[in-house]
PDB file of N, CA and C in Angstrom:
ATOM      1  N   MET A   1       0.807  -1.191   0.000  1.00  0.00           N
ATOM      2  CA  MET A   1       0.000   0.000   0.000  1.00  0.00           C
ATOM      3  C   MET A   1       0.851   1.255   0.000  1.00  0.00           C
ATOM      4  N   ALA A   2       1.881   1.277   0.836  1.00  0.00           N
ATOM      5  CA  ALA A   2       2.697   2.480   0.931  1.00  0.00           C
ATOM      6  C   ALA A   2       3.519   2.683  -0.339  1.00  0.00           C
ATOM      7  N   GLY A   3       3.883   1.628  -1.004  1.00  0.00           N
ATOM      8  CA  GLY A   3       4.692   1.734  -2.214  1.00  0.00           C
ATOM      9  C   GLY A   3       3.893   2.189  -3.426  1.00  0.00           C
ATOM     10  N   GLU A   4       2.577   2.081  -3.390  1.00  0.00           N
ATOM     11  CA  GLU A   4       1.763   2.448  -4.534  1.00  0.00           C
ATOM     12  C   GLU A   4       1.677   3.956  -4.733  1.00  0.00           C
ATOM     13  N   GLY A   5       1.830   4.739  -3.679  1.00  0.00           N
ATOM     14  CA  GLY A   5       1.704   6.190  -3.776  1.00  0.00           C
ATOM     15  C   GLY A   5       2.797   6.820  -4.618  1.00  0.00           C
ATOM     16  N   GLY A   6       3.980   6.203  -4.654  1.00  0.00           N
ATOM     17  CA  GLY A   6       5.090   6.764  -5.421  1.00  0.00           C
ATOM     18  C   GLY A   6       4.865   6.695  -6.915  1.00  0.00           C
ATOM     19  N   SER A   7       4.137   5.684  -7.396  1.00  0.00           N
ATOM     20  CA  SER A   7       3.918   5.555  -8.827  1.00  0.00           C
ATOM     21  C   SER A   7       2.891   6.558  -9.334  1.00  0.00           C
ATOM     22  N   GLU A   8       2.031   7.066  -8.442  1.00  0.00           N
ATOM     23  CA  GLU A   8       1.003   8.006  -8.859  1.00  0.00           C
ATOM     24  C   GLU A   8       1.503   9.446  -8.904  1.00  0.00           C
ATOM     25  N   GLU A   9       2.667   9.720  -8.319  1.00  0.00           N
ATOM     26  CA  GLU A   9       3.186  11.085  -8.309  1.00  0.00           C
ATOM     27  C   GLU A   9       3.524  11.574  -9.713  1.00  0.00           C
ATOM     28  N   GLY A  10       4.037  10.719 -10.565  1.00  0.00           N
ATOM     29  CA  GLY A  10       4.426  11.119 -11.901  1.00  0.00           C
ATOM     30  C   GLY A  10       3.257  11.243 -12.864  1.00  0.00           C
ATOM     31  N   LYS A  11       2.114  10.672 -12.509  1.00  0.00           N
ATOM     32  CA  LYS A  11       0.955  10.713 -13.395  1.00  0.00           C
ATOM     33  C   LYS A  11       0.335  12.104 -13.389  1.00  0.00           C
ATOM     34  N   SER A  12      -0.178  12.499 -14.525  1.00  0.00           N
ATOM     35  CA  SER A  12      -0.860  13.782 -14.615  1.00  0.00           C
ATOM     36  C   SER A  12      -2.215  13.566 -15.279  1.00  0.00           C
ATOM     37  N   PHE A  13      -3.117  14.470 -15.001  1.00  0.00           N
ATOM     38  CA  PHE A  13      -4.466  14.388 -15.545  1.00  0.00           C
ATOM     39  C   PHE A  13      -4.580  15.319 -16.736  1.00  0.00           C
ATOM     40  N   LYS A  14      -4.917  14.776 -17.898  1.00  0.00           N
ATOM     41  CA  LYS A  14      -5.068  15.593 -19.096  1.00  0.00           C
ATOM     42  C   LYS A  14      -6.544  15.756 -19.411  1.00  0.00           C
ATOM     43  N   LEU A  15      -6.974  16.993 -19.486  1.00  0.00           N
ATOM     44  CA  LEU A  15      -8.362  17.306 -19.802  1.00  0.00           C
ATOM     45  C   LEU A  15      -8.490  17.461 -21.304  1.00  0.00           C
ATOM     46  N   LEU A  16      -9.428  16.755 -21.903  1.00  0.00           N
ATOM     47  CA  LEU A  16      -9.660  16.735 -23.353  1.00  0.00           C
ATOM     48  C   LEU A  16      -8.443  16.248 -24.129  1.00  0.00           C
ATOM     49  N   GLY A  17      -7.532  15.563 -23.462  1.00  0.00           N
ATOM     50  CA  GLY A  17      -6.392  14.973 -24.132  1.00  0.00           C
ATOM     51  C   GLY A  17      -5.202  15.883 -24.344  1.00  0.00           C
ATOM     52  N   PHE A  18      -5.330  17.199 -24.105  1.00  0.00           N
ATOM     53  CA  PHE A  18      -4.197  18.081 -24.374  1.00  0.00           C
ATOM     54  C   PHE A  18      -3.890  19.048 -23.236  1.00  0.00           C
ATOM     55  N   LEU A  19      -4.817  19.331 -22.353  1.00  0.00           N
ATOM     56  CA  LEU A  19      -4.600  20.292 -21.278  1.00  0.00           C
ATOM     57  C   LEU A  19      -4.154  19.540 -20.027  1.00  0.00           C
ATOM     58  N   ASP A  20      -2.861  19.594 -19.739  1.00  0.00           N
ATOM     59  CA  ASP A  20      -2.302  18.918 -18.576  1.00  0.00           C
ATOM     60  C   ASP A  20      -2.591  19.760 -17.339  1.00  0.00           C
ATOM     61  N   VAL A  21      -3.602  19.365 -16.592  1.00  0.00           N
ATOM     62  CA  VAL A  21      -4.102  20.165 -15.477  1.00  0.00           C
ATOM     63  C   VAL A  21      -3.072  20.266 -14.354  1.00  0.00           C
ATOM     64  N   LYS A  22      -2.251  19.253 -14.188  1.00  0.00           N
ATOM     65  CA  LYS A  22      -1.288  19.253 -13.083  1.00  0.00           C
ATOM     66  C   LYS A  22      -0.112  20.189 -13.344  1.00  0.00           C
ATOM     67  N   ASN A  23       0.369  20.266 -14.559  1.00  0.00           N
ATOM     68  CA  ASN A  23       1.600  21.000 -14.842  1.00  0.00           C
ATOM     69  C   ASN A  23       1.384  22.392 -15.429  1.00  0.00           C
ATOM     70  N   VAL A  24       0.237  22.682 -15.982  1.00  0.00           N
ATOM     71  CA  VAL A  24      -0.015  23.988 -16.582  1.00  0.00           C
ATOM     72  C   VAL A  24      -0.505  24.942 -15.496  1.00  0.00           C
ATOM     73  N   PRO A  25       0.176  26.079 -15.313  1.00  0.00           N
ATOM     74  CA  PRO A  25      -0.279  27.021 -14.282  1.00  0.00           C
ATOM     75  C   PRO A  25      -1.682  27.538 -14.599  1.00  0.00           C
ATOM     76  N   CYS A  26      -2.485  27.696 -13.595  1.00  0.00           N
ATOM     77  CA  CYS A  26      -3.849  28.240 -13.662  1.00  0.00           C
ATOM     78  C   CYS A  26      -4.867  27.295 -14.295  1.00  0.00           C
ATOM     79  N   ALA A  27      -4.481  26.147 -14.787  1.00  0.00           N
ATOM     80  CA  ALA A  27      -5.438  25.269 -15.467  1.00  0.00           C
ATOM     81  C   ALA A  27      -6.422  24.654 -14.483  1.00  0.00           C
ATOM     82  N   ARG A  28      -5.932  24.184 -13.355  1.00  0.00           N
ATOM     83  CA  ARG A  28      -6.808  23.539 -12.386  1.00  0.00           C
ATOM     84  C   ARG A  28      -7.857  24.509 -11.859  1.00  0.00           C
ATOM     85  N   GLU A  29      -7.409  25.686 -11.461  1.00  0.00           N
ATOM     86  CA  GLU A  29      -8.335  26.672 -10.912  1.00  0.00           C
ATOM     87  C   GLU A  29      -9.343  27.119 -11.964  1.00  0.00           C
ATOM     88  N   SER A  30      -8.896  27.265 -13.196  1.00  0.00           N
ATOM     89  CA  SER A  30      -9.801  27.689 -14.258  1.00  0.00           C
ATOM     90  C   SER A  30     -10.904  26.669 -14.493  1.00  0.00           C
ATOM     91  N   VAL A  31     -10.553  25.402 -14.509  1.00  0.00           N
ATOM     92  CA  VAL A  31     -11.559  24.354 -14.714  1.00  0.00           C
ATOM     93  C   VAL A  31     -12.517  24.300 -13.530  1.00  0.00           C
ATOM     94  N   LEU A  32     -11.993  24.437 -12.312  1.00  0.00           N
ATOM     95  CA  LEU A  32     -12.866  24.399 -11.135  1.00  0.00           C
ATOM     96  C   LEU A  32     -13.828  25.587 -11.111  1.00  0.00           C
ATOM     97  N   TYR A  33     -13.311  26.791 -11.345  1.00  0.00           N
ATOM     98  CA  TYR A  33     -14.187  27.961 -11.371  1.00  0.00           C
ATOM     99  C   TYR A  33     -15.167  27.892 -12.536  1.00  0.00           C
ATOM    100  N   GLY A  34     -14.727  27.329 -13.669  1.00  0.00           N
ATOM    101  CA  GLY A  34     -15.625  27.167 -14.807  1.00  0.00           C
ATOM    102  C   GLY A  34     -16.774  26.224 -14.499  1.00  0.00           C
ATOM    103  N   SER A  35     -16.484  25.150 -13.780  1.00  0.00           N
ATOM    104  CA  SER A  35     -17.555  24.211 -13.437  1.00  0.00           C
ATOM    105  C   SER A  35     -18.536  24.829 -12.453  1.00  0.00           C
ATOM    106  N   VAL A  36     -18.045  25.610 -11.514  1.00  0.00           N
ATOM    107  CA  VAL A  36     -18.946  26.288 -10.577  1.00  0.00           C
ATOM    108  C   VAL A  36     -19.786  27.330 -11.319  1.00  0.00           C
ATOM    109  N   GLY A  37     -19.153  28.071 -12.227  1.00  0.00           N
ATOM    110  CA  GLY A  37     -19.892  29.052 -13.026  1.00  0.00           C
ATOM    111  C   GLY A  37     -20.949  28.391 -13.885  1.00  0.00           C
ATOM    112  N   SER A  38     -20.624  27.231 -14.432  1.00  0.00           N
ATOM    113  CA  SER A  38     -21.575  26.484 -15.241  1.00  0.00           C
ATOM    114  C   SER A  38     -22.783  26.064 -14.406  1.00  0.00           C
ATOM    115  N   LEU A  39     -22.516  25.566 -13.219  1.00  0.00           N
ATOM    116  CA  LEU A  39     -23.600  25.142 -12.335  1.00  0.00           C
ATOM    117  C   LEU A  39     -24.506  26.315 -11.958  1.00  0.00           C
ATOM    118  N   VAL A  40     -23.899  27.435 -11.621  1.00  0.00           N
ATOM    119  CA  VAL A  40     -24.679  28.606 -11.209  1.00  0.00           C
ATOM    120  C   VAL A  40     -25.516  29.146 -12.365  1.00  0.00           C
ATOM    121  N   VAL A  41     -24.904  29.302 -13.530  1.00  0.00           N
ATOM    122  CA  VAL A  41     -25.634  29.857 -14.673  1.00  0.00           C
ATOM    123  C   VAL A  41     -26.727  28.897 -15.140  1.00  0.00           C
ATOM    124  N   GLY A  42     -26.391  27.621 -15.271  1.00  0.00           N
ATOM    125  CA  GLY A  42     -27.387  26.652 -15.737  1.00  0.00           C
ATOM    126  C   GLY A  42     -28.546  26.497 -14.779  1.00  0.00           C
ATOM    127  N   LEU A  43     -28.242  26.379 -13.501  1.00  0.00           N
ATOM    128  CA  LEU A  43     -29.300  26.225 -12.510  1.00  0.00           C
ATOM    129  C   LEU A  43     -30.130  27.504 -12.381  1.00  0.00           C
ATOM    130  N   GLY A  44     -29.463  28.639 -12.432  1.00  0.00           N
ATOM    131  CA  GLY A  44     -30.196  29.903 -12.372  1.00  0.00           C
ATOM    132  C   GLY A  44     -31.132  30.079 -13.553  1.00  0.00           C
ATOM    133  N   HIS A  45     -30.666  29.739 -14.748  1.00  0.00           N
ATOM    134  CA  HIS A  45     -31.517  29.848 -15.932  1.00  0.00           C
ATOM    135  C   HIS A  45     -32.669  28.854 -15.872  1.00  0.00           C
ATOM    136  N   PHE A  46     -32.397  27.640 -15.369  1.00  0.00           N
ATOM    137  CA  PHE A  46     -33.483  26.652 -15.253  1.00  0.00           C
ATOM    138  C   PHE A  46     -34.539  27.107 -14.256  1.00  0.00           C
ATOM    139  N   LEU A  47     -34.115  27.650 -13.127  1.00  0.00           N
ATOM    140  CA  LEU A  47     -35.079  28.110 -12.133  1.00  0.00           C
ATOM    141  C   LEU A  47     -35.902  29.290 -12.642  1.00  0.00           C
ATOM    142  N   ALA A  48     -35.288  30.089 -13.514  1.00  0.00           N
ATOM    143  CA  ALA A  48     -36.011  31.242 -14.043  1.00  0.00           C
ATOM    144  C   ALA A  48     -36.975  30.863 -15.174  1.00  0.00           C
ATOM    145  N   THR A  49     -36.591  29.882 -16.020  1.00  0.00           N
ATOM    146  CA  THR A  49     -37.395  29.607 -17.213  1.00  0.00           C
ATOM    147  C   THR A  49     -37.995  28.205 -17.264  1.00  0.00           C
ATOM    148  N   SER A  50     -37.451  27.250 -16.548  1.00  0.00           N
ATOM    149  CA  SER A  50     -37.876  25.836 -16.559  1.00  0.00           C
ATOM    150  C   SER A  50     -37.702  25.183 -17.932  1.00  0.00           C
ATOM    151  N   ARG A  51     -36.779  25.672 -18.721  1.00  0.00           N
ATOM    152  CA  ARG A  51     -36.474  25.062 -20.026  1.00  0.00           C
ATOM    153  C   ARG A  51     -35.143  24.329 -19.908  1.00  0.00           C
ATOM    154  N   VAL A  52     -35.185  23.008 -20.007  1.00  0.00           N
ATOM    155  CA  VAL A  52     -34.015  22.181 -19.735  1.00  0.00           C
ATOM    156  C   VAL A  52     -32.932  22.355 -20.799  1.00  0.00           C
ATOM    157  N   LYS A  53     -33.286  22.197 -22.078  1.00  0.00           N
ATOM    158  CA  LYS A  53     -32.282  22.263 -23.136  1.00  0.00           C
ATOM    159  C   LYS A  53     -31.604  23.628 -23.179  1.00  0.00           C
ATOM    160  N   ARG A  54     -32.393  24.661 -23.074  1.00  0.00           N
ATOM    161  CA  ARG A  54     -31.847  26.023 -23.107  1.00  0.00           C
ATOM    162  C   ARG A  54     -30.956  26.275 -21.887  1.00  0.00           C
ATOM    163  N   SER A  55     -31.321  25.708 -20.745  1.00  0.00           N
ATOM    164  CA  SER A  55     -30.520  25.856 -19.534  1.00  0.00           C
ATOM    165  C   SER A  55     -29.175  25.143 -19.677  1.00  0.00           C
ATOM    166  N   CYS A  56     -29.181  24.000 -20.339  1.00  0.00           N
ATOM    167  CA  CYS A  56     -27.919  23.293 -20.596  1.00  0.00           C
ATOM    168  C   CYS A  56     -27.024  24.095 -21.528  1.00  0.00           C
ATOM    169  N   ASP A  57     -27.627  24.729 -22.531  1.00  0.00           N
ATOM    170  CA  ASP A  57     -26.854  25.591 -23.426  1.00  0.00           C
ATOM    171  C   ASP A  57     -26.231  26.756 -22.657  1.00  0.00           C
ATOM    172  N   PHE A  58     -27.007  27.351 -21.770  1.00  0.00           N
ATOM    173  CA  PHE A  58     -26.489  28.442 -20.953  1.00  0.00           C
ATOM    174  C   PHE A  58     -25.388  27.950 -20.012  1.00  0.00           C
ATOM    175  N   ALA A  59     -25.541  26.723 -19.509  1.00  0.00           N
ATOM    176  CA  ALA A  59     -24.527  26.158 -18.613  1.00  0.00           C
ATOM    177  C   ALA A  59     -23.198  25.978 -19.340  1.00  0.00           C
ATOM    178  N   VAL A  60     -23.255  25.497 -20.576  1.00  0.00           N
ATOM    179  CA  VAL A  60     -22.023  25.326 -21.364  1.00  0.00           C
ATOM    180  C   VAL A  60     -21.399  26.689 -21.645  1.00  0.00           C
ATOM    181  N   GLY A  61     -22.217  27.664 -22.003  1.00  0.00           N
ATOM    182  CA  GLY A  61     -21.703  29.013 -22.227  1.00  0.00           C
ATOM    183  C   GLY A  61     -21.121  29.616 -20.960  1.00  0.00           C
ATOM    184  N   GLY A  62     -21.764  29.354 -19.821  1.00  0.00           N
ATOM    185  CA  GLY A  62     -21.239  29.843 -18.551  1.00  0.00           C
ATOM    186  C   GLY A  62     -19.911  29.209 -18.207  1.00  0.00           C
ATOM    187  N   PHE A  63     -19.768  27.916 -18.510  1.00  0.00           N
ATOM    188  CA  PHE A  63     -18.491  27.238 -18.269  1.00  0.00           C
ATOM    189  C   PHE A  63     -17.377  27.858 -19.093  1.00  0.00           C
ATOM    190  N   ILE A  64     -17.647  28.053 -20.376  1.00  0.00           N
ATOM    191  CA  ILE A  64     -16.616  28.596 -21.268  1.00  0.00           C
ATOM    192  C   ILE A  64     -16.230  30.013 -20.852  1.00  0.00           C
ATOM    193  N   CYS A  65     -17.229  30.848 -20.597  1.00  0.00           N
ATOM    194  CA  CYS A  65     -16.940  32.241 -20.227  1.00  0.00           C
ATOM    195  C   CYS A  65     -16.200  32.340 -18.892  1.00  0.00           C
ATOM    196  N   THR A  66     -16.651  31.576 -17.903  1.00  0.00           N
ATOM    197  CA  THR A  66     -16.010  31.628 -16.595  1.00  0.00           C
ATOM    198  C   THR A  66     -14.601  31.065 -16.655  1.00  0.00           C
ATOM    199  N   MET A  67     -14.430  29.959 -17.353  1.00  0.00           N
ATOM    200  CA  MET A  67     -13.111  29.352 -17.438  1.00  0.00           C
ATOM    201  C   MET A  67     -12.129  30.268 -18.156  1.00  0.00           C
ATOM    202  N   LEU A  68     -12.522  30.798 -19.302  1.00  0.00           N
ATOM    203  CA  LEU A  68     -11.617  31.673 -20.038  1.00  0.00           C
ATOM    204  C   LEU A  68     -11.362  32.981 -19.298  1.00  0.00           C
ATOM    205  N   GLY A  69     -12.394  33.514 -18.653  1.00  0.00           N
ATOM    206  CA  GLY A  69     -12.215  34.745 -17.888  1.00  0.00           C
ATOM    207  C   GLY A  69     -11.212  34.567 -16.765  1.00  0.00           C
ATOM    208  N   TYR A  70     -11.354  33.487 -16.001  1.00  0.00           N
ATOM    209  CA  TYR A  70     -10.409  33.258 -14.912  1.00  0.00           C
ATOM    210  C   TYR A  70      -9.041  32.871 -15.443  1.00  0.00           C
ATOM    211  N   TRP A  71      -8.983  32.171 -16.562  1.00  0.00           N
ATOM    212  CA  TRP A  71      -7.697  31.787 -17.157  1.00  0.00           C
ATOM    213  C   TRP A  71      -6.877  33.042 -17.486  1.00  0.00           C
ATOM    214  N   PHE A  72      -7.496  34.010 -18.181  1.00  0.00           N
ATOM    215  CA  PHE A  72      -6.763  35.223 -18.547  1.00  0.00           C
ATOM    216  C   PHE A  72      -6.390  36.041 -17.324  1.00  0.00           C
ATOM    217  N   TYR A  73      -7.292  36.117 -16.348  1.00  0.00           N
ATOM    218  CA  TYR A  73      -7.008  36.849 -15.117  1.00  0.00           C
ATOM    219  C   TYR A  73      -5.826  36.221 -14.377  1.00  0.00           C
ATOM    220  N   CYS A  74      -5.823  34.919 -14.246  1.00  0.00           N
ATOM    221  CA  CYS A  74      -4.761  34.219 -13.526  1.00  0.00           C
ATOM    222  C   CYS A  74      -3.434  34.305 -14.273  1.00  0.00           C
ATOM    223  N   ARG A  75      -3.466  34.134 -15.583  1.00  0.00           N
ATOM    224  CA  ARG A  75      -2.220  34.203 -16.354  1.00  0.00           C
ATOM    225  C   ARG A  75      -1.625  35.611 -16.336  1.00  0.00           C
ATOM    226  N   TYR A  76      -2.485  36.628 -16.356  1.00  0.00           N
ATOM    227  CA  TYR A  76      -2.016  38.009 -16.277  1.00  0.00           C
ATOM    228  C   TYR A  76      -1.330  38.257 -14.932  1.00  0.00           C
ATOM    229  N   ASN A  77      -1.945  37.819 -13.847  1.00  0.00           N
ATOM    230  CA  ASN A  77      -1.341  37.986 -12.529  1.00  0.00           C
ATOM    231  C   ASN A  77      -0.060  37.178 -12.393  1.00  0.00           C
ATOM    232  N   LEU A  78      -0.015  35.995 -12.995  1.00  0.00           N
ATOM    233  CA  LEU A  78       1.197  35.183 -12.967  1.00  0.00           C
ATOM    234  C   LEU A  78       2.329  35.873 -13.723  1.00  0.00           C
ATOM    235  N   ALA A  79       2.022  36.480 -14.857  1.00  0.00           N
ATOM    236  CA  ALA A  79       3.045  37.196 -15.622  1.00  0.00           C
ATOM    237  C   ALA A  79       3.563  38.405 -14.840  1.00  0.00           C
ATOM    238  N   LYS A  80       2.648  39.148 -14.184  1.00  0.00           N
ATOM    239  CA  LYS A  80       3.076  40.284 -13.360  1.00  0.00           C
ATOM    240  C   LYS A  80       3.977  39.821 -12.218  1.00  0.00           C
ATOM    241  N   HIS A  81       3.619  38.712 -11.600  1.00  0.00           N
ATOM    242  CA  HIS A  81       4.412  38.184 -10.493  1.00  0.00           C
ATOM    243  C   HIS A  81       5.802  37.771 -10.966  1.00  0.00           C
ATOM    244  N   ARG A  82       5.872  37.121 -12.119  1.00  0.00           N
ATOM    245  CA  ARG A  82       7.176  36.699 -12.647  1.00  0.00           C
ATOM    246  C   ARG A  82       8.045  37.892 -13.024  1.00  0.00           C
ATOM    247  N   ILE A  83       7.434  38.955 -13.551  1.00  0.00           N
ATOM    248  CA  ILE A  83       8.201  40.159 -13.888  1.00  0.00           C
ATOM    249  C   ILE A  83       8.761  40.790 -12.620  1.00  0.00           C
ATOM    250  N   ARG A  84       7.919  40.876 -11.567  1.00  0.00           N
ATOM    251  CA  ARG A  84       8.399  41.422 -10.294  1.00  0.00           C
ATOM    252  C   ARG A  84       9.516  40.571  -9.714  1.00  0.00           C
ATOM    253  N   GLN A  85       9.398  39.249  -9.810  1.00  0.00           N
ATOM    254  CA  GLN A  85      10.449  38.363  -9.316  1.00  0.00           C
ATOM    255  C   GLN A  85      11.748  38.583 -10.083  1.00  0.00           C
ATOM    256  N   ARG A  86      11.651  38.715 -11.399  1.00  0.00           N
ATOM    257  CA  ARG A  86      12.835  38.922 -12.214  1.00  0.00           C
ATOM    258  C   ARG A  86      13.511  40.254 -11.877  1.00  0.00           C
ATOM    259  N   MET A  87      12.709  41.302 -11.676  1.00  0.00           N
ATOM    260  CA  MET A  87      13.283  42.602 -11.322  1.00  0.00           C
ATOM    261  C   MET A  87      13.949  42.556  -9.947  1.00  0.00           C
ATOM    262  N   LEU A  88      13.320  41.895  -8.987  1.00  0.00           N
ATOM    263  CA  LEU A  88      13.884  41.773  -7.657  1.00  0.00           C
ATOM    264  C   LEU A  88      15.165  40.954  -7.674  1.00  0.00           C
ATOM    265  N   LYS A  89      15.178  39.879  -8.439  1.00  0.00           N
ATOM    266  CA  LYS A  89      16.364  39.040  -8.541  1.00  0.00           C
ATOM    267  C   LYS A  89      17.521  39.819  -9.165  1.00  0.00           C
ATOM    268  N   GLU A  90      17.224  40.584 -10.208  1.00  0.00           N
ATOM    269  CA  GLU A  90      18.266  41.390 -10.851  1.00  0.00           C
ATOM    270  C   GLU A  90      18.772  42.478  -9.908  1.00  0.00           C
ATOM    271  N   GLY A  91      17.857  43.093  -9.160  1.00  0.00           N
ATOM    272  CA  GLY A  91      18.269  44.119  -8.203  1.00  0.00           C
ATOM    273  C   GLY A  91      19.138  43.556  -7.101  1.00  0.00           C
ATOM    274  N   MET A  92      18.798  42.380  -6.597  1.00  0.00           N
ATOM    275  CA  MET A  92      19.613  41.753  -5.558  1.00  0.00           C
ATOM    276  C   MET A  92      20.982  41.368  -6.106  1.00  0.00           C
ATOM    277  N   ARG A  93      21.019  40.888  -7.342  1.00  0.00           N
ATOM    278  CA  ARG A  93      22.306  40.524  -7.943  1.00  0.00           C
ATOM    279  C   ARG A  93      23.172  41.759  -8.130  1.00  0.00           C
ATOM    280  N   ASN A  94      22.569  42.874  -8.592  1.00  0.00           N
ATOM    281  CA  ASN A  94      23.330  44.111  -8.762  1.00  0.00           C
ATOM    282  C   ASN A  94      23.801  44.658  -7.423  1.00  0.00           C
ATOM    283  N   LYS A  95      22.981  44.538  -6.391  1.00  0.00           N
ATOM    284  CA  LYS A  95      23.352  45.000  -5.057  1.00  0.00           C
ATOM    285  C   LYS A  95      24.572  44.238  -4.565  1.00  0.00           C
ATOM    286  N   ILE A  96      24.557  42.921  -4.747  1.00  0.00           N
ATOM    287  CA  ILE A  96      25.691  42.110  -4.316  1.00  0.00           C
ATOM    288  C   ILE A  96      26.921  42.421  -5.162  1.00  0.00           C
ATOM    289  N   LEU A  97      26.717  42.626  -6.443  1.00  0.00           N
ATOM    290  CA  LEU A  97      27.826  42.861  -7.361  1.00  0.00           C
ATOM    291  C   LEU A  97      28.489  44.213  -7.117  1.00  0.00           C
ATOM    292  N   PHE A  98      27.693  45.259  -6.906  1.00  0.00           N
ATOM    293  CA  PHE A  98      28.233  46.614  -6.815  1.00  0.00           C
ATOM    294  C   PHE A  98      28.494  47.081  -5.387  1.00  0.00           C
ATOM    295  N   GLU A  99      28.124  46.302  -4.391  1.00  0.00           N
ATOM    296  CA  GLU A  99      28.277  46.735  -3.010  1.00  0.00           C
ATOM    297  C   GLU A  99      29.750  46.945  -2.663  1.00  0.00           C
ATOM    298  N   GLY A 100      30.052  48.116  -2.164  1.00  0.00           N
ATOM    299  CA  GLY A 100      31.419  48.456  -1.767  1.00  0.00           C
ATOM    300  C   GLY A 100      32.285  48.978  -2.897  1.00  0.00           C
ATOM    301  N   SER A 101      31.801  49.007  -4.133  1.00  0.00           N
ATOM    302  CA  SER A 101      32.596  49.507  -5.252  1.00  0.00           C
ATOM    303  C   SER A 101      32.231  50.959  -5.531  1.00  0.00           C
ATOM    304  N   SER A 102      32.909  51.545  -6.484  1.00  0.00           N
ATOM    305  CA  SER A 102      32.616  52.932  -6.832  1.00  0.00           C
ATOM    306  C   SER A 102      31.296  53.066  -7.585  1.00  0.00           C
ATOM    307  N   PHE A 103      30.750  51.949  -8.065  1.00  0.00           N
ATOM    308  CA  PHE A 103      29.471  51.968  -8.780  1.00  0.00           C
ATOM    309  C   PHE A 103      28.276  51.821  -7.841  1.00  0.00           C
ATOM    310  N   ASP A 104      28.513  51.680  -6.544  1.00  0.00           N
ATOM    311  CA  ASP A 104      27.439  51.481  -5.575  1.00  0.00           C
ATOM    312  C   ASP A 104      26.605  52.756  -5.455  1.00  0.00           C
ATOM    313  N   PRO A 105      25.309  52.718  -5.796  1.00  0.00           N
ATOM    314  CA  PRO A 105      24.478  53.924  -5.722  1.00  0.00           C
ATOM    315  C   PRO A 105      24.304  54.436  -4.295  1.00  0.00           C
ATOM    316  N   GLU A 106      24.275  53.559  -3.308  1.00  0.00           N
ATOM    317  CA  GLU A 106      24.134  54.001  -1.924  1.00  0.00           C
ATOM    318  C   GLU A 106      25.390  54.712  -1.446  1.00  0.00           C
ATOM    319  N   LYS A 107      26.526  54.276  -1.911  1.00  0.00           N
ATOM    320  CA  LYS A 107      27.786  54.910  -1.518  1.00  0.00           C
ATOM    321  C   LYS A 107      27.864  56.315  -2.095  1.00  0.00           C
ATOM    322  N   LYS A 108      27.398  56.507  -3.326  1.00  0.00           N
ATOM    323  CA  LYS A 108      27.397  57.836  -3.928  1.00  0.00           C
ATOM    324  C   LYS A 108      26.460  58.773  -3.180  1.00  0.00           C
ATOM    325  N   GLN A 109      25.315  58.279  -2.720  1.00  0.00           N
ATOM    326  CA  GLN A 109      24.368  59.113  -1.987  1.00  0.00           C
ATOM    327  C   GLN A 109      24.936  59.526  -0.634  1.00  0.00           C
ATOM    328  N   THR A 110      25.555  58.620   0.073  1.00  0.00           N
ATOM    329  CA  THR A 110      26.082  58.960   1.393  1.00  0.00           C
ATOM    330  C   THR A 110      27.337  59.808   1.279  1.00  0.00           C
ATOM    331  N   ASP A 111      28.190  59.552   0.283  1.00  0.00           N
ATOM    332  CA  ASP A 111      29.397  60.362   0.105  1.00  0.00           C
ATOM    333  C   ASP A 111      29.066  61.776  -0.330  1.00  0.00           C
ATOM    334  N   SER A 112      28.059  61.969  -1.150  1.00  0.00           N
ATOM    335  CA  SER A 112      27.733  63.316  -1.642  1.00  0.00           C
ATOM    336  C   SER A 112      27.189  64.181  -0.517  1.00  0.00           C
ATOM    337  N   GLY A 113      26.575  63.592   0.491  1.00  0.00           N
ATOM    338  CA  GLY A 113      26.025  64.352   1.613  1.00  0.00           C
ATOM    339  C   GLY A 113      27.099  64.886   2.542  1.00  0.00           C
ATOM    340  N   TYR A 114      28.266  64.244   2.624  1.00  0.00           N
ATOM    341  CA  TYR A 114      29.332  64.660   3.529  1.00  0.00           C
ATOM    342  C   TYR A 114      30.316  65.607   2.909  1.00  0.00           C
ATOM    343  N   GLN A 115      30.327  65.733   1.612  1.00  0.00           N
ATOM    344  CA  GLN A 115      31.331  66.594   0.974  1.00  0.00           C
ATOM    345  C   GLN A 115      30.924  67.986   0.864  1.00  0.00           C
TER     346      GLN A 115
END
C-alpha cells in the first residue's frame, strides 16, 4: 500500500487529451471555477425559465466564459508576479555585485552628503 503512492506522483491528468491540469499554471483553478460558473448559470436559468435544453446551453456558455475569464485573469497575474520576481532578482544581484565599489548607488548618496 505504501509503495503504490510513489507511482502516482508522476501521473498527470489531461483534460480533453491536451490540457495537462497538473503542470499547466492556472489550469486547475480555471476548470474548477468554470464548473462552478456552469452550475450557477445553468441552474439559475433553469429556475427562471424551466427550459431544460436552453438551460444546458447556458450552462455550457457559462463554463466557457467563466473558465476563459479566470484563465486570462490568472495568467495576467502570474506574468506580473514573474516580472516582479525577475526585477527583484536582478536588483539583488546588482546589489551584491556593486556593493562596496565605486558603482554602488548608496555609496554615492552617502558620500555626496558629507562633501
